[in-house]
Amino acid sequence: MSNRSFVSPWSDSHELENIRALDPGHPPLWGDESGVYFHARDYPALESAVRKGLPANPREWSAHYFLAVALEGQGRHREALPEYQTAVDLSNGDLHAAR
């Protein structure tokens, strides 16, 4: 665990670029990248990151959840609703999907 009290989204993005350069096939990278953009509230970048990972993880509820958040954050509520529903449907009762 890091001792850093604050990490800017830029430095985390820089770390992700380093990971991508060292291990381009790193499977959970889209999730790491999504987390950075989610916390930075950079919804266009979040949408882009999730859409990169979604084809490889179409049954991952969190991918649909992050996509819904990205769409809603950009005011695209009608597009977000089915993604939220897909996240809930795929979660198999996981209560974290509703948070």
PDB file of N, CA and C in Angstrom:
ATOM      1  N   MET A   1       0.839  -1.176   0.000  1.00  0.00           N
ATOM      2  CA  MET A   1       0.000   0.000   0.000  1.00  0.00           C
ATOM      3  C   MET A   1       0.885   1.240   0.000  1.00  0.00           C
ATOM      4  N   SER A   2       0.492   2.204  -0.737  1.00  0.00           N
ATOM      5  CA  SER A   2       1.277   3.414  -0.907  1.00  0.00           C
ATOM      6  C   SER A   2       1.139   4.338   0.294  1.00  0.00           C
ATOM      7  N   ASN A   3       2.200   5.073   0.583  1.00  0.00           N
ATOM      8  CA  ASN A   3       2.162   6.085   1.633  1.00  0.00           C
ATOM      9  C   ASN A   3       1.716   7.429   1.096  1.00  0.00           C
ATOM     10  N   ARG A   4       1.451   7.509  -0.204  1.00  0.00           N
ATOM     11  CA  ARG A   4       1.047   8.774  -0.797  1.00  0.00           C
ATOM     12  C   ARG A   4      -0.361   9.112  -0.346  1.00  0.00           C
ATOM     13  N   SER A   5      -0.562  10.340   0.098  1.00  0.00           N
ATOM     14  CA  SER A   5      -1.891  10.742   0.544  1.00  0.00           C
ATOM     15  C   SER A   5      -2.754  11.220  -0.614  1.00  0.00           C
ATOM     16  N   PHE A   6      -2.134  11.683  -1.683  1.00  0.00           N
ATOM     17  CA  PHE A   6      -2.889  12.134  -2.844  1.00  0.00           C
ATOM     18  C   PHE A   6      -2.103  11.785  -4.091  1.00  0.00           C
ATOM     19  N   VAL A   7      -2.804  11.223  -5.046  1.00  0.00           N
ATOM     20  CA  VAL A   7      -2.185  10.910  -6.323  1.00  0.00           C
ATOM     21  C   VAL A   7      -3.027  11.571  -7.396  1.00  0.00           C
ATOM     22  N   SER A   8      -2.410  12.382  -8.197  1.00  0.00           N
ATOM     23  CA  SER A   8      -3.171  13.054  -9.250  1.00  0.00           C
ATOM     24  C   SER A   8      -3.555  12.053 -10.327  1.00  0.00           C
ATOM     25  N   PRO A   9      -4.666  12.294 -11.006  1.00  0.00           N
ATOM     26  CA  PRO A   9      -5.041  11.411 -12.110  1.00  0.00           C
ATOM     27  C   PRO A   9      -3.960  11.325 -13.178  1.00  0.00           C
ATOM     28  N   TRP A  10      -3.214  12.420 -13.367  1.00  0.00           N
ATOM     29  CA  TRP A  10      -2.162  12.380 -14.377  1.00  0.00           C
ATOM     30  C   TRP A  10      -1.102  11.364 -14.014  1.00  0.00           C
ATOM     31  N   SER A  11      -0.666  11.338 -12.756  1.00  0.00           N
ATOM     32  CA  SER A  11       0.397  10.410 -12.381  1.00  0.00           C
ATOM     33  C   SER A  11      -0.101   8.973 -12.461  1.00  0.00           C
ATOM     34  N   ASP A  12      -1.364   8.726 -12.119  1.00  0.00           N
ATOM     35  CA  ASP A  12      -1.911   7.385 -12.269  1.00  0.00           C
ATOM     36  C   ASP A  12      -1.996   7.011 -13.742  1.00  0.00           C
ATOM     37  N   SER A  13      -2.398   7.954 -14.584  1.00  0.00           N
ATOM     38  CA  SER A  13      -2.445   7.692 -16.017  1.00  0.00           C
ATOM     39  C   SER A  13      -1.055   7.372 -16.542  1.00  0.00           C
ATOM     40  N   HIS A  14      -0.063   8.075 -16.015  1.00  0.00           N
ATOM     41  CA  HIS A  14       1.324   7.814 -16.412  1.00  0.00           C
ATOM     42  C   HIS A  14       1.731   6.392 -16.009  1.00  0.00           C
ATOM     43  N   GLU A  15       1.329   5.974 -14.816  1.00  0.00           N
ATOM     44  CA  GLU A  15       1.611   4.612 -14.353  1.00  0.00           C
ATOM     45  C   GLU A  15       0.959   3.591 -15.279  1.00  0.00           C
ATOM     46  N   LEU A  16      -0.276   3.866 -15.700  1.00  0.00           N
ATOM     47  CA  LEU A  16      -0.969   2.950 -16.606  1.00  0.00           C
ATOM     48  C   LEU A  16      -0.243   2.849 -17.939  1.00  0.00           C
ATOM     49  N   GLU A  17       0.286   3.960 -18.416  1.00  0.00           N
ATOM     50  CA  GLU A  17       1.054   3.926 -19.663  1.00  0.00           C
ATOM     51  C   GLU A  17       2.307   3.061 -19.496  1.00  0.00           C
ATOM     52  N   ASN A  18       2.938   3.142 -18.329  1.00  0.00           N
ATOM     53  CA  ASN A  18       4.109   2.302 -18.067  1.00  0.00           C
ATOM     54  C   ASN A  18       3.721   0.825 -18.072  1.00  0.00           C
ATOM     55  N   ILE A  19       2.613   0.488 -17.440  1.00  0.00           N
ATOM     56  CA  ILE A  19       2.135  -0.895 -17.422  1.00  0.00           C
ATOM     57  C   ILE A  19       1.855  -1.357 -18.846  1.00  0.00           C
ATOM     58  N   ARG A  20       1.174  -0.519 -19.610  1.00  0.00           N
ATOM     59  CA  ARG A  20       0.822  -0.865 -20.987  1.00  0.00           C
ATOM     60  C   ARG A  20       2.087  -1.110 -21.814  1.00  0.00           C
ATOM     61  N   ALA A  21       3.133  -0.314 -21.594  1.00  0.00           N
ATOM     62  CA  ALA A  21       4.381  -0.472 -22.340  1.00  0.00           C
ATOM     63  C   ALA A  21       5.112  -1.752 -21.927  1.00  0.00           C
ATOM     64  N   LEU A  22       5.101  -2.061 -20.634  1.00  0.00           N
ATOM     65  CA  LEU A  22       5.808  -3.241 -20.144  1.00  0.00           C
ATOM     66  C   LEU A  22       5.066  -4.541 -20.421  1.00  0.00           C
ATOM     67  N   ASP A  23       3.740  -4.487 -20.347  1.00  0.00           N
ATOM     68  CA  ASP A  23       2.934  -5.696 -20.516  1.00  0.00           C
ATOM     69  C   ASP A  23       1.649  -5.358 -21.252  1.00  0.00           C
ATOM     70  N   PRO A  24       1.732  -5.216 -22.580  1.00  0.00           N
ATOM     71  CA  PRO A  24       0.559  -4.779 -23.346  1.00  0.00           C
ATOM     72  C   PRO A  24      -0.634  -5.723 -23.231  1.00  0.00           C
ATOM     73  N   GLY A  25      -0.409  -6.962 -22.882  1.00  0.00           N
ATOM     74  CA  GLY A  25      -1.508  -7.912 -22.767  1.00  0.00           C
ATOM     75  C   GLY A  25      -2.080  -8.021 -21.373  1.00  0.00           C
ATOM     76  N   HIS A  26      -1.712  -7.127 -20.480  1.00  0.00           N
ATOM     77  CA  HIS A  26      -2.183  -7.161 -19.089  1.00  0.00           C
ATOM     78  C   HIS A  26      -3.703  -7.116 -19.076  1.00  0.00           C
ATOM     79  N   PRO A  27      -4.364  -8.252 -18.790  1.00  0.00           N
ATOM     80  CA  PRO A  27      -5.825  -8.313 -18.941  1.00  0.00           C
ATOM     81  C   PRO A  27      -6.637  -7.344 -18.097  1.00  0.00           C
ATOM     82  N   PRO A  28      -6.324  -7.134 -16.824  1.00  0.00           N
ATOM     83  CA  PRO A  28      -7.201  -6.239 -16.056  1.00  0.00           C
ATOM     84  C   PRO A  28      -6.882  -4.757 -16.218  1.00  0.00           C
ATOM     85  N   LEU A  29      -6.034  -4.410 -17.172  1.00  0.00           N
ATOM     86  CA  LEU A  29      -5.632  -3.017 -17.317  1.00  0.00           C
ATOM     87  C   LEU A  29      -6.821  -2.097 -17.558  1.00  0.00           C
ATOM     88  N   TRP A  30      -7.812  -2.536 -18.332  1.00  0.00           N
ATOM     89  CA  TRP A  30      -8.976  -1.675 -18.585  1.00  0.00           C
ATOM     90  C   TRP A  30      -9.652  -1.313 -17.270  1.00  0.00           C
ATOM     91  N   GLY A  31      -9.690  -2.253 -16.322  1.00  0.00           N
ATOM     92  CA  GLY A  31     -10.315  -1.982 -15.033  1.00  0.00           C
ATOM     93  C   GLY A  31      -9.523  -0.983 -14.211  1.00  0.00           C
ATOM     94  N   ASP A  32      -8.211  -1.117 -14.245  1.00  0.00           N
ATOM     95  CA  ASP A  32      -7.351  -0.162 -13.541  1.00  0.00           C
ATOM     96  C   ASP A  32      -7.520   1.233 -14.129  1.00  0.00           C
ATOM     97  N   GLU A  33      -7.501   1.274 -15.450  1.00  0.00           N
ATOM     98  CA  GLU A  33      -7.646   2.553 -16.152  1.00  0.00           C
ATOM     99  C   GLU A  33      -9.018   3.160 -15.863  1.00  0.00           C
ATOM    100  N   SER A  34     -10.040   2.324 -15.868  1.00  0.00           N
ATOM    101  CA  SER A  34     -11.393   2.809 -15.578  1.00  0.00           C
ATOM    102  C   SER A  34     -11.480   3.407 -14.184  1.00  0.00           C
ATOM    103  N   GLY A  35     -10.829   2.770 -13.226  1.00  0.00           N
ATOM    104  CA  GLY A  35     -10.843   3.279 -11.860  1.00  0.00           C
ATOM    105  C   GLY A  35     -10.225   4.658 -11.750  1.00  0.00           C
ATOM    106  N   VAL A  36      -9.142   4.877 -12.484  1.00  0.00           N
ATOM    107  CA  VAL A  36      -8.490   6.192 -12.471  1.00  0.00           C
ATOM    108  C   VAL A  36      -9.446   7.251 -13.001  1.00  0.00           C
ATOM    109  N   TYR A  37     -10.054   6.960 -14.155  1.00  0.00           N
ATOM    110  CA  TYR A  37     -10.947   7.949 -14.771  1.00  0.00           C
ATOM    111  C   TYR A  37     -12.243   8.121 -13.982  1.00  0.00           C
ATOM    112  N   PHE A  38     -12.708   7.043 -13.357  1.00  0.00           N
ATOM    113  CA  PHE A  38     -13.908   7.111 -12.520  1.00  0.00           C
ATOM    114  C   PHE A  38     -13.685   8.094 -11.372  1.00  0.00           C
ATOM    115  N   HIS A  39     -12.574   7.941 -10.663  1.00  0.00           N
ATOM    116  CA  HIS A  39     -12.302   8.805  -9.515  1.00  0.00           C
ATOM    117  C   HIS A  39     -11.966  10.232  -9.932  1.00  0.00           C
ATOM    118  N   ALA A  40     -11.439  10.388 -11.134  1.00  0.00           N
ATOM    119  CA  ALA A  40     -11.140  11.730 -11.645  1.00  0.00           C
ATOM    120  C   ALA A  40     -12.382  12.394 -12.248  1.00  0.00           C
ATOM    121  N   ARG A  41     -13.462  11.622 -12.359  1.00  0.00           N
ATOM    122  CA  ARG A  41     -14.710  12.078 -12.986  1.00  0.00           C
ATOM    123  C   ARG A  41     -14.467  12.537 -14.432  1.00  0.00           C
ATOM    124  N   ASP A  42     -13.562  11.845 -15.095  1.00  0.00           N
ATOM    125  CA  ASP A  42     -13.282  12.111 -16.506  1.00  0.00           C
ATOM    126  C   ASP A  42     -14.132  11.116 -17.308  1.00  0.00           C
ATOM    127  N   TYR A  43     -15.398  11.462 -17.505  1.00  0.00           N
ATOM    128  CA  TYR A  43     -16.361  10.527 -18.074  1.00  0.00           C
ATOM    129  C   TYR A  43     -16.090  10.157 -19.532  1.00  0.00           C
ATOM    130  N   PRO A  44     -15.645  11.070 -20.388  1.00  0.00           N
ATOM    131  CA  PRO A  44     -15.295  10.640 -21.749  1.00  0.00           C
ATOM    132  C   PRO A  44     -14.138   9.629 -21.762  1.00  0.00           C
ATOM    133  N   ALA A  45     -13.117   9.865 -20.936  1.00  0.00           N
ATOM    134  CA  ALA A  45     -11.990   8.930 -20.867  1.00  0.00           C
ATOM    135  C   ALA A  45     -12.436   7.607 -20.253  1.00  0.00           C
ATOM    136  N   LEU A  46     -13.322   7.653 -19.259  1.00  0.00           N
ATOM    137  CA  LEU A  46     -13.857   6.439 -18.656  1.00  0.00           C
ATOM    138  C   LEU A  46     -14.600   5.620 -19.704  1.00  0.00           C
ATOM    139  N   GLU A  47     -15.443   6.286 -20.484  1.00  0.00           N
ATOM    140  CA  GLU A  47     -16.174   5.569 -21.536  1.00  0.00           C
ATOM    141  C   GLU A  47     -15.205   4.902 -22.507  1.00  0.00           C
ATOM    142  N   SER A  48     -14.190   5.631 -22.920  1.00  0.00           N
ATOM    143  CA  SER A  48     -13.205   5.090 -23.858  1.00  0.00           C
ATOM    144  C   SER A  48     -12.491   3.871 -23.281  1.00  0.00           C
ATOM    145  N   ALA A  49     -12.065   3.956 -22.026  1.00  0.00           N
ATOM    146  CA  ALA A  49     -11.357   2.847 -21.382  1.00  0.00           C
ATOM    147  C   ALA A  49     -12.246   1.613 -21.276  1.00  0.00           C
ATOM    148  N   VAL A  50     -13.485   1.818 -20.872  1.00  0.00           N
ATOM    149  CA  VAL A  50     -14.396   0.678 -20.715  1.00  0.00           C
ATOM    150  C   VAL A  50     -14.700   0.051 -22.072  1.00  0.00           C
ATOM    151  N   ARG A  51     -14.921   0.869 -23.072  1.00  0.00           N
ATOM    152  CA  ARG A  51     -15.238   0.327 -24.399  1.00  0.00           C
ATOM    153  C   ARG A  51     -14.066  -0.467 -24.979  1.00  0.00           C
ATOM    154  N   LYS A  52     -12.837  -0.145 -24.559  1.00  0.00           N
ATOM    155  CA  LYS A  52     -11.678  -0.938 -24.981  1.00  0.00           C
ATOM    156  C   LYS A  52     -11.696  -2.327 -24.340  1.00  0.00           C
ATOM    157  N   GLY A  53     -12.119  -2.389 -23.086  1.00  0.00           N
ATOM    158  CA  GLY A  53     -12.093  -3.659 -22.361  1.00  0.00           C
ATOM    159  C   GLY A  53     -13.354  -4.487 -22.480  1.00  0.00           C
ATOM    160  N   LEU A  54     -14.462  -3.861 -22.787  1.00  0.00           N
ATOM    161  CA  LEU A  54     -15.749  -4.553 -22.808  1.00  0.00           C
ATOM    162  C   LEU A  54     -15.809  -5.726 -23.785  1.00  0.00           C
ATOM    163  N   PRO A  55     -15.269  -5.623 -24.996  1.00  0.00           N
ATOM    164  CA  PRO A  55     -15.348  -6.773 -25.904  1.00  0.00           C
ATOM    165  C   PRO A  55     -14.678  -8.038 -25.348  1.00  0.00           C
ATOM    166  N   ALA A  56     -13.626  -7.869 -24.580  1.00  0.00           N
ATOM    167  CA  ALA A  56     -12.938  -9.017 -23.987  1.00  0.00           C
ATOM    168  C   ALA A  56     -13.612  -9.488 -22.698  1.00  0.00           C
ATOM    169  N   ASN A  57     -14.496  -8.661 -22.137  1.00  0.00           N
ATOM    170  CA  ASN A  57     -15.146  -8.968 -20.856  1.00  0.00           C
ATOM    171  C   ASN A  57     -16.638  -8.667 -20.910  1.00  0.00           C
ATOM    172  N   PRO A  58     -17.373  -9.179 -21.885  1.00  0.00           N
ATOM    173  CA  PRO A  58     -18.777  -8.789 -22.030  1.00  0.00           C
ATOM    174  C   PRO A  58     -19.686  -9.252 -20.897  1.00  0.00           C
ATOM    175  N   ARG A  59     -19.236 -10.233 -20.109  1.00  0.00           N
ATOM    176  CA  ARG A  59     -20.062 -10.752 -19.020  1.00  0.00           C
ATOM    177  C   ARG A  59     -19.607 -10.224 -17.661  1.00  0.00           C
ATOM    178  N   GLU A  60     -18.720  -9.243 -17.668  1.00  0.00           N
ATOM    179  CA  GLU A  60     -18.224  -8.631 -16.426  1.00  0.00           C
ATOM    180  C   GLU A  60     -19.154  -7.491 -16.043  1.00  0.00           C
ATOM    181  N   TRP A  61     -19.886  -7.677 -14.940  1.00  0.00           N
ATOM    182  CA  TRP A  61     -20.891  -6.671 -14.576  1.00  0.00           C
ATOM    183  C   TRP A  61     -20.269  -5.299 -14.325  1.00  0.00           C
ATOM    184  N   SER A  62     -19.055  -5.282 -13.771  1.00  0.00           N
ATOM    185  CA  SER A  62     -18.456  -3.985 -13.439  1.00  0.00           C
ATOM    186  C   SER A  62     -18.134  -3.175 -14.697  1.00  0.00           C
ATOM    187  N   ALA A  63     -17.855  -3.847 -15.809  1.00  0.00           N
ATOM    188  CA  ALA A  63     -17.607  -3.129 -17.058  1.00  0.00           C
ATOM    189  C   ALA A  63     -18.872  -2.392 -17.492  1.00  0.00           C
ATOM    190  N   HIS A  64     -20.008  -3.051 -17.375  1.00  0.00           N
ATOM    191  CA  HIS A  64     -21.273  -2.410 -17.746  1.00  0.00           C
ATOM    192  C   HIS A  64     -21.629  -1.286 -16.770  1.00  0.00           C
ATOM    193  N   TYR A  65     -21.308  -1.505 -15.485  1.00  0.00           N
ATOM    194  CA  TYR A  65     -21.563  -0.462 -14.484  1.00  0.00           C
ATOM    195  C   TYR A  65     -20.735   0.795 -14.795  1.00  0.00           C
ATOM    196  N   PHE A  66     -19.427   0.603 -15.039  1.00  0.00           N
ATOM    197  CA  PHE A  66     -18.574   1.754 -15.340  1.00  0.00           C
ATOM    198  C   PHE A  66     -18.999   2.443 -16.623  1.00  0.00           C
ATOM    199  N   LEU A  67     -19.451   1.661 -17.613  1.00  0.00           N
ATOM    200  CA  LEU A  67     -19.936   2.284 -18.843  1.00  0.00           C
ATOM    201  C   LEU A  67     -21.182   3.116 -18.554  1.00  0.00           C
ATOM    202  N   ALA A  68     -22.077   2.591 -17.732  1.00  0.00           N
ATOM    203  CA  ALA A  68     -23.289   3.339 -17.369  1.00  0.00           C
ATOM    204  C   ALA A  68     -22.934   4.636 -16.651  1.00  0.00           C
ATOM    205  N   VAL A  69     -21.995   4.572 -15.726  1.00  0.00           N
ATOM    206  CA  VAL A  69     -21.568   5.780 -15.007  1.00  0.00           C
ATOM    207  C   VAL A  69     -20.990   6.798 -15.986  1.00  0.00           C
ATOM    208  N   ALA A  70     -20.166   6.319 -16.925  1.00  0.00           N
ATOM    209  CA  ALA A  70     -19.560   7.218 -17.911  1.00  0.00           C
ATOM    210  C   ALA A  70     -20.624   7.891 -18.766  1.00  0.00           C
ATOM    211  N   LEU A  71     -21.599   7.128 -19.203  1.00  0.00           N
ATOM    212  CA  LEU A  71     -22.665   7.679 -20.036  1.00  0.00           C
ATOM    213  C   LEU A  71     -23.521   8.667 -19.245  1.00  0.00           C
ATOM    214  N   GLU A  72     -23.885   8.287 -18.031  1.00  0.00           N
ATOM    215  CA  GLU A  72     -24.693   9.178 -17.197  1.00  0.00           C
ATOM    216  C   GLU A  72     -23.935  10.468 -16.888  1.00  0.00           C
ATOM    217  N   GLY A  73     -22.647  10.342 -16.625  1.00  0.00           N
ATOM    218  CA  GLY A  73     -21.829  11.507 -16.329  1.00  0.00           C
ATOM    219  C   GLY A  73     -21.736  12.488 -17.486  1.00  0.00           C
ATOM    220  N   GLN A  74     -22.013  11.999 -18.681  1.00  0.00           N
ATOM    221  CA  GLN A  74     -22.008  12.851 -19.874  1.00  0.00           C
ATOM    222  C   GLN A  74     -23.418  13.274 -20.267  1.00  0.00           C
ATOM    223  N   GLY A  75     -24.385  13.007 -19.366  1.00  0.00           N
ATOM    224  CA  GLY A  75     -25.761  13.406 -19.624  1.00  0.00           C
ATOM    225  C   GLY A  75     -26.510  12.487 -20.577  1.00  0.00           C
ATOM    226  N   ARG A  76     -25.966  11.313 -20.846  1.00  0.00           N
ATOM    227  CA  ARG A  76     -26.575  10.373 -21.791  1.00  0.00           C
ATOM    228  C   ARG A  76     -27.357   9.304 -21.008  1.00  0.00           C
ATOM    229  N   HIS A  77     -28.374   9.768 -20.295  1.00  0.00           N
ATOM    230  CA  HIS A  77     -29.120   8.932 -19.356  1.00  0.00           C
ATOM    231  C   HIS A  77     -29.823   7.755 -20.025  1.00  0.00           C
ATOM    232  N   ARG A  78     -30.407   7.979 -21.178  1.00  0.00           N
ATOM    233  CA  ARG A  78     -31.130   6.886 -21.866  1.00  0.00           C
ATOM    234  C   ARG A  78     -30.190   5.760 -22.276  1.00  0.00           C
ATOM    235  N   GLU A  79     -28.963   6.093 -22.629  1.00  0.00           N
ATOM    236  CA  GLU A  79     -27.975   5.068 -22.970  1.00  0.00           C
ATOM    237  C   GLU A  79     -27.460   4.365 -21.710  1.00  0.00           C
ATOM    238  N   ALA A  80     -27.436   5.085 -20.591  1.00  0.00           N
ATOM    239  CA  ALA A  80     -26.902   4.528 -19.352  1.00  0.00           C
ATOM    240  C   ALA A  80     -27.830   3.485 -18.731  1.00  0.00           C
ATOM    241  N   LEU A  81     -29.130   3.697 -18.807  1.00  0.00           N
ATOM    242  CA  LEU A  81     -30.077   2.802 -18.132  1.00  0.00           C
ATOM    243  C   LEU A  81     -29.913   1.331 -18.507  1.00  0.00           C
ATOM    244  N   PRO A  82     -29.849   0.968 -19.795  1.00  0.00           N
ATOM    245  CA  PRO A  82     -29.684  -0.451 -20.105  1.00  0.00           C
ATOM    246  C   PRO A  82     -28.346  -1.021 -19.620  1.00  0.00           C
ATOM    247  N   GLU A  83     -27.322  -0.177 -19.558  1.00  0.00           N
ATOM    248  CA  GLU A  83     -26.033  -0.656 -19.044  1.00  0.00           C
ATOM    249  C   GLU A  83     -26.117  -0.934 -17.542  1.00  0.00           C
ATOM    250  N   TYR A  84     -26.817  -0.056 -16.806  1.00  0.00           N
ATOM    251  CA  TYR A  84     -27.039  -0.335 -15.376  1.00  0.00           C
ATOM    252  C   TYR A  84     -27.807  -1.641 -15.216  1.00  0.00           C
ATOM    253  N   GLN A  85     -28.833  -1.840 -16.034  1.00  0.00           N
ATOM    254  CA  GLN A  85     -29.636  -3.058 -15.930  1.00  0.00           C
ATOM    255  C   GLN A  85     -28.792  -4.293 -16.246  1.00  0.00           C
ATOM    256  N   THR A  86     -27.953  -4.204 -17.262  1.00  0.00           N
ATOM    257  CA  THR A  86     -27.074  -5.322 -17.597  1.00  0.00           C
ATOM    258  C   THR A  86     -26.129  -5.625 -16.443  1.00  0.00           C
ATOM    259  N   ALA A  87     -25.596  -4.587 -15.809  1.00  0.00           N
ATOM    260  CA  ALA A  87     -24.704  -4.785 -14.659  1.00  0.00           C
ATOM    261  C   ALA A  87     -25.427  -5.535 -13.547  1.00  0.00           C
ATOM    262  N   VAL A  88     -26.646  -5.138 -13.256  1.00  0.00           N
ATOM    263  CA  VAL A  88     -27.414  -5.809 -12.200  1.00  0.00           C
ATOM    264  C   VAL A  88     -27.713  -7.254 -12.606  1.00  0.00           C
ATOM    265  N   ASP A  89     -28.132  -7.460 -13.841  1.00  0.00           N
ATOM    266  CA  ASP A  89     -28.450  -8.809 -14.316  1.00  0.00           C
ATOM    267  C   ASP A  89     -27.240  -9.744 -14.251  1.00  0.00           C
ATOM    268  N   LEU A  90     -26.064  -9.226 -14.610  1.00  0.00           N
ATOM    269  CA  LEU A  90     -24.857 -10.054 -14.620  1.00  0.00           C
ATOM    270  C   LEU A  90     -24.248 -10.258 -13.240  1.00  0.00           C
ATOM    271  N   SER A  91     -24.671  -9.469 -12.269  1.00  0.00           N
ATOM    272  CA  SER A  91     -24.029  -9.513 -10.952  1.00  0.00           C
ATOM    273  C   SER A  91     -24.415 -10.744 -10.132  1.00  0.00           C
ATOM    274  N   ASN A  92     -25.452 -11.461 -10.535  1.00  0.00           N
ATOM    275  CA  ASN A  92     -25.893 -12.653  -9.784  1.00  0.00           C
ATOM    276  C   ASN A  92     -26.143 -12.343  -8.312  1.00  0.00           C
ATOM    277  N   GLY A  93     -26.774 -11.230  -8.069  1.00  0.00           N
ATOM    278  CA  GLY A  93     -27.121 -10.871  -6.691  1.00  0.00           C
ATOM    279  C   GLY A  93     -26.008 -10.219  -5.902  1.00  0.00           C
ATOM    280  N   ASP A  94     -24.893  -9.914  -6.542  1.00  0.00           N
ATOM    281  CA  ASP A  94     -23.797  -9.238  -5.852  1.00  0.00           C
ATOM    282  C   ASP A  94     -24.246  -7.829  -5.483  1.00  0.00           C
ATOM    283  N   LEU A  95     -24.332  -7.565  -4.195  1.00  0.00           N
ATOM    284  CA  LEU A  95     -24.829  -6.271  -3.734  1.00  0.00           C
ATOM    285  C   LEU A  95     -23.927  -5.112  -4.121  1.00  0.00           C
ATOM    286  N   HIS A  96     -22.676  -5.386  -4.422  1.00  0.00           N
ATOM    287  CA  HIS A  96     -21.768  -4.311  -4.843  1.00  0.00           C
ATOM    288  C   HIS A  96     -22.200  -3.726  -6.184  1.00  0.00           C
ATOM    289  N   ALA A  97     -22.937  -4.492  -6.984  1.00  0.00           N
ATOM    290  CA  ALA A  97     -23.378  -4.009  -8.287  1.00  0.00           C
ATOM    291  C   ALA A  97     -24.376  -2.872  -8.144  1.00  0.00           C
ATOM    292  N   ALA A  98     -25.058  -2.798  -7.019  1.00  0.00           N
ATOM    293  CA  ALA A  98     -26.065  -1.768  -6.809  1.00  0.00           C
ATOM    294  C   ALA A  98     -25.477  -0.500  -6.208  1.00  0.00           C
ATOM    295  N   ARG A  99     -24.215  -0.514  -5.857  1.00  0.00           N
ATOM    296  CA  ARG A  99     -23.598   0.655  -5.210  1.00  0.00           C
ATOM    297  C   ARG A  99     -22.982   1.578  -6.195  1.00  0.00           C
TER     298      ARG A  99
END
